[in-house]
Amino acid sequence: MSNIPLHPLIVHFTMGVVLILPIITCTVLLLIHLKKATGTALLFVLIVHAGLAVSVNLSSAMGERDERVIAKLTDKNSHHQNFIDSRLIDNELVASHEEEAGIFMIINYVFLLISIGLYGGKLSTIKKIAILFMQSLLIYFAYNVATSGGKLVYLHGAAKAFINLKFGIQ
């Protein structure tokens, strides 16, 4: 198992996708309105949204993996045991971040399923607004997850676990 933290790589991709999803949707809807594309172009939006769901799952899995890597590394390096024992990062902060991520994941799935349902049949203005509203609301939930993750890294030193263990710093 690699000691490289993968969660940050995947989660930044996820945040990028959640930010561009409403832009992609607006662009596709505009192209349809201008008769430059057909309604089947909306499949691209659904594919991007489904890709977001996969990315969210990967982010969560990589976060869990990174926690296991730190635990395994600290077990191998007994002189670093005080790192885990002292818990530079409070378990409650990690649990709060995981809870925010779980909420984001569930809401993303719900919005994806609703969007799939709304794309069926004639795409009225109300449906278009509902889809864009849900996608914009996803940004709010992603922001909450990103804020709690940023606090873990920048205020509470979550990245120190990998840095300390990699360079043998106690």
Foldseek 3Di string as FASTA:
>chain_A
DDLDQCLVVLLVVLLVLLVCLLVLLVVVVVCVVVVVDPLCVCVVSLVSLVVSLVSLVVSLVSVVVNVVSLVVLCVVVVVCVVCVVVPLPDPVLVVQLSVLSVVLNVLSVVLSVVLVVCSPDDNDPVSSVSNSVSSVVSNVSSVVNVVSVCCCCPVSNVVVSSVCSVVVND
